Protein backbone atom coordinates (compact mmCIF):
# COMPACT_ATOMS: atom_id res chain seq x y z
CA MET A 1 -51.22 -51.25 35.67
CA ARG A 2 -50.47 -52.66 39.45
CA LYS A 3 -54.02 -54.00 41.02
CA LEU A 4 -54.56 -54.90 44.50
CA TRP A 5 -57.62 -57.01 44.89
CA GLY A 6 -59.18 -56.98 48.36
CA ARG A 7 -61.57 -54.90 50.45
CA ALA A 8 -60.06 -51.85 52.50
CA SER A 9 -61.41 -53.28 55.97
CA SER A 10 -59.22 -56.39 55.60
CA SER A 11 -56.24 -56.13 57.85
CA ASN A 12 -54.03 -58.11 55.41
CA VAL A 13 -55.13 -55.77 52.62
CA MET A 14 -54.14 -52.88 54.97
CA LYS A 15 -50.63 -54.27 55.40
CA VAL A 16 -50.17 -54.24 51.59
CA LEU A 17 -51.62 -50.93 50.95
CA TRP A 18 -49.58 -49.32 53.72
CA THR A 19 -46.23 -50.91 52.18
CA LEU A 20 -47.29 -49.71 48.71
CA ASP A 21 -47.64 -46.06 50.27
CA GLU A 22 -44.50 -46.21 51.88
CA LEU A 23 -42.62 -47.19 48.48
CA GLY A 24 -44.65 -44.54 46.51
CA LEU A 25 -45.93 -47.12 44.21
CA ASP A 26 -48.90 -46.46 42.21
CA TYR A 27 -51.88 -49.07 42.18
CA GLU A 28 -55.30 -49.68 41.70
CA ARG A 29 -57.38 -51.22 44.56
CA ILE A 30 -60.39 -53.40 43.53
CA ASP A 31 -63.04 -54.43 46.14
CA ALA A 32 -63.07 -58.25 46.64
CA GLY A 33 -63.82 -60.37 49.44
CA GLY A 34 -66.57 -60.27 52.12
CA ALA A 35 -69.70 -58.39 50.89
CA PHE A 36 -67.99 -57.50 47.74
CA GLY A 37 -67.76 -61.32 46.54
CA ARG A 38 -65.51 -62.08 43.53
CA THR A 39 -63.09 -64.45 45.52
CA ARG A 40 -64.83 -67.51 44.33
CA ASP A 41 -65.01 -66.54 40.82
CA PRO A 42 -62.81 -68.85 38.45
CA GLU A 43 -60.71 -65.85 37.21
CA TYR A 44 -59.87 -64.73 40.92
CA ARG A 45 -59.04 -68.34 41.85
CA ALA A 46 -56.73 -68.62 38.97
CA MET A 47 -54.83 -65.68 40.73
CA ASN A 48 -55.20 -66.99 44.21
CA PRO A 49 -56.35 -70.55 44.78
CA MET A 50 -57.15 -69.79 48.30
CA GLY A 51 -59.88 -67.22 47.39
CA LEU A 52 -58.61 -65.00 50.11
CA VAL A 53 -57.46 -61.45 49.90
CA PRO A 54 -55.26 -59.60 49.10
CA THR A 55 -53.80 -60.48 45.66
CA LEU A 56 -51.41 -58.48 43.90
CA GLN A 57 -51.70 -58.39 40.09
CA GLU A 58 -49.09 -56.92 37.84
CA GLY A 59 -49.60 -56.98 34.06
CA ASP A 60 -52.17 -58.25 31.97
CA GLY A 61 -52.96 -61.02 29.44
CA ALA A 62 -49.79 -63.08 28.87
CA ASP A 63 -47.74 -60.68 30.71
CA GLY A 64 -49.87 -60.81 33.75
CA TRP A 65 -48.63 -62.04 37.19
CA ALA A 66 -50.23 -62.32 40.57
CA LEU A 67 -48.87 -62.97 44.14
CA TRP A 68 -50.87 -63.96 47.15
CA GLU A 69 -50.36 -63.85 51.01
CA SER A 70 -49.92 -60.51 52.37
CA ASN A 71 -46.31 -61.00 54.06
CA ALA A 72 -45.15 -62.40 50.67
CA ILE A 73 -46.73 -59.35 48.74
CA ALA A 74 -44.97 -57.07 51.23
CA ARG A 75 -41.47 -58.80 50.82
CA TYR A 76 -41.73 -58.63 46.95
CA LEU A 77 -42.72 -55.00 46.76
CA CYS A 78 -39.75 -54.23 48.87
CA ASN A 79 -37.36 -56.67 46.93
CA GLN A 80 -38.58 -55.54 43.51
CA TYR A 81 -38.85 -51.70 44.11
CA ALA A 82 -36.52 -50.89 46.87
CA PRO A 83 -33.95 -53.63 47.39
CA GLY A 84 -32.05 -53.15 50.67
CA GLY A 85 -34.00 -50.29 51.64
CA PRO A 86 -34.94 -49.43 55.30
CA LEU A 87 -38.36 -51.16 55.12
CA TYR A 88 -36.69 -54.67 54.39
CA PRO A 89 -33.13 -54.43 54.87
CA ALA A 90 -30.52 -56.69 53.17
CA ALA A 91 -28.18 -57.12 55.91
CA PRO A 92 -28.74 -60.90 57.24
CA ARG A 93 -29.19 -60.19 60.79
CA ALA A 94 -31.34 -56.90 60.26
CA ARG A 95 -33.52 -58.93 57.74
CA ALA A 96 -33.75 -61.82 60.12
CA ALA A 97 -35.08 -59.47 62.92
CA VAL A 98 -37.68 -57.94 60.63
CA GLU A 99 -38.94 -61.53 59.49
CA THR A 100 -38.90 -62.58 63.28
CA TRP A 101 -41.57 -60.13 63.89
CA MET A 102 -43.40 -60.81 60.90
CA ASP A 103 -43.62 -64.42 61.84
CA TRP A 104 -44.31 -63.98 65.37
CA THR A 105 -47.36 -61.65 64.43
CA LEU A 106 -48.76 -64.06 61.99
CA GLY A 107 -48.15 -67.09 64.27
CA HIS A 108 -48.81 -65.72 67.72
CA VAL A 109 -50.91 -62.45 67.70
CA THR A 110 -53.21 -62.64 64.64
CA ALA A 111 -55.51 -65.49 66.19
CA PRO A 112 -56.34 -64.18 69.73
CA MET A 113 -56.59 -60.59 67.85
CA VAL A 114 -59.04 -61.79 65.42
CA THR A 115 -61.03 -63.55 68.18
CA ILE A 116 -61.35 -60.14 70.17
CA PHE A 117 -62.00 -57.96 66.97
CA PHE A 118 -64.70 -60.41 65.56
CA THR A 119 -66.52 -60.72 69.07
CA HIS A 120 -66.71 -56.90 69.55
CA VAL A 121 -67.11 -56.02 65.65
CA ARG A 122 -68.33 -58.46 63.36
CA ILE A 123 -70.24 -61.28 65.54
CA PRO A 124 -74.06 -60.52 66.15
CA GLU A 125 -74.19 -59.93 70.01
CA PRO A 126 -76.33 -63.04 70.48
CA ASP A 127 -73.61 -65.05 69.19
CA ARG A 128 -70.75 -63.82 70.83
CA ASP A 129 -68.36 -66.34 72.86
CA TRP A 130 -67.34 -64.02 75.86
CA GLN A 131 -65.46 -66.96 77.47
CA ALA A 132 -63.23 -67.08 74.26
CA GLU A 133 -62.83 -63.29 73.96
CA GLY A 134 -61.52 -63.27 77.54
CA LYS A 135 -59.10 -65.97 77.03
CA ALA A 136 -58.02 -64.10 73.88
CA ARG A 137 -57.58 -60.84 75.72
CA GLU A 138 -55.32 -62.55 78.42
CA ASP A 139 -53.22 -63.95 75.75
CA CYS A 140 -52.91 -60.81 73.93
CA GLY A 141 -52.13 -59.09 77.16
CA ARG A 142 -49.07 -61.40 77.67
CA LEU A 143 -48.06 -61.11 73.88
CA TRP A 144 -48.18 -57.04 74.12
CA LYS A 145 -46.07 -57.21 76.90
CA ILE A 146 -43.39 -58.73 75.02
CA VAL A 147 -43.69 -55.93 72.43
CA ASP A 148 -43.63 -53.39 75.43
CA ALA A 149 -40.30 -54.79 76.47
CA ALA A 150 -38.73 -55.00 73.11
CA LEU A 151 -39.60 -51.33 72.35
CA ALA A 152 -37.90 -49.85 75.45
CA GLY A 153 -35.43 -47.58 73.95
CA ARG A 154 -36.70 -47.84 70.36
CA ARG A 155 -38.85 -45.90 68.16
CA PHE A 156 -39.89 -48.93 66.13
CA LEU A 157 -39.68 -52.67 66.59
CA CYS A 158 -36.20 -52.99 64.85
CA GLY A 159 -34.82 -49.74 65.44
CA ASP A 160 -35.55 -46.02 64.80
CA GLU A 161 -36.50 -46.89 61.33
CA LEU A 162 -39.89 -48.33 60.06
CA THR A 163 -39.73 -51.74 58.79
CA LEU A 164 -42.10 -54.32 57.62
CA ALA A 165 -42.07 -55.63 61.01
CA ASP A 166 -44.16 -52.62 61.96
CA ILE A 167 -46.30 -52.78 59.00
CA ALA A 168 -47.10 -56.44 59.85
CA LEU A 169 -47.90 -55.79 63.44
CA GLY A 170 -49.54 -52.18 62.86
CA CYS A 171 -53.19 -53.19 62.23
CA TRP A 172 -53.17 -55.10 65.60
CA VAL A 173 -51.66 -52.42 67.35
CA HIS A 174 -54.42 -49.94 66.45
CA ARG A 175 -57.18 -52.32 67.00
CA TRP A 176 -55.88 -53.29 70.36
CA HIS A 177 -55.74 -49.53 71.34
CA VAL A 178 -59.24 -48.77 70.02
CA LEU A 179 -61.31 -51.76 70.88
CA PRO A 180 -63.59 -51.17 73.86
CA ILE A 181 -61.63 -53.76 76.18
CA ALA A 182 -59.55 -53.45 79.41
CA ARG A 183 -55.89 -53.08 78.53
CA PRO A 184 -52.58 -53.33 80.69
CA ASP A 185 -50.71 -50.12 81.18
CA LEU A 186 -48.01 -50.47 78.48
CA PRO A 187 -46.24 -47.12 77.98
CA ASN A 188 -43.82 -48.17 75.32
CA LEU A 189 -46.55 -49.87 73.37
CA ALA A 190 -48.74 -46.66 73.71
CA ARG A 191 -45.76 -44.50 72.52
CA TYR A 192 -45.38 -46.94 69.75
CA TYR A 193 -48.89 -46.38 68.57
CA ASP A 194 -48.15 -42.62 68.56
CA ALA A 195 -45.16 -43.24 66.23
CA LEU A 196 -47.06 -45.33 63.92
CA LYS A 197 -49.79 -42.59 63.61
CA THR A 198 -46.76 -40.10 62.13
CA ARG A 199 -46.90 -42.49 58.99
CA PRO A 200 -49.51 -41.21 56.39
CA GLY A 201 -49.85 -44.95 55.15
CA PHE A 202 -50.75 -46.01 58.70
CA THR A 203 -53.33 -42.99 59.18
CA THR A 204 -54.74 -43.50 55.75
CA HIS A 205 -55.15 -47.16 55.43
CA VAL A 206 -54.91 -48.81 59.03
CA ALA A 207 -55.86 -46.30 61.76
CA LEU A 208 -59.58 -46.38 60.68
CA PRO A 209 -62.90 -46.87 62.59
CA LEU A 210 -63.50 -50.58 63.21
CA ALA A 211 -65.59 -52.21 60.64
């Protein structure tokens, strides 16, 4: 049995859940992380030494195998169960384009979006740092303008087909549009958000109330 360890409200868990659904793979999700705990247990740390979520587990006992880091899990699932498919194309330049956006999301978008999201949703109001939130919102506005420009004439980031690039960025696209913040007018990004909402995996696992 394939198991995915991680709470459904985690952006990184959402990414893997969406990938699993796009590939039509069966799995069992086990709550872990946050209020659910488990990530400090020795058994969990044996699978994921970082003690974070998600962790993918395949097989049991001596045949068991585990993988951590959400982007690595998404790439593995595509390579193992849909090699060369549209989510993660085999052609070197097409794959490089997908990986560029995945790395860009992790390296540039995630940190300021986490600051905005935590300020409005997770941090108690008396403890909120509005100066940091304002700086993060300014940074994100600049970054989303890059995405808006890249989407000109395209349905998804790398063309007309959904790829792991879109799955990596999708959670932040949703949160950017539903957080109670001022946003620049980015019509291509808004159209892209609508395109993402046509994917059942996105609406099921990503486009959720903020929590």
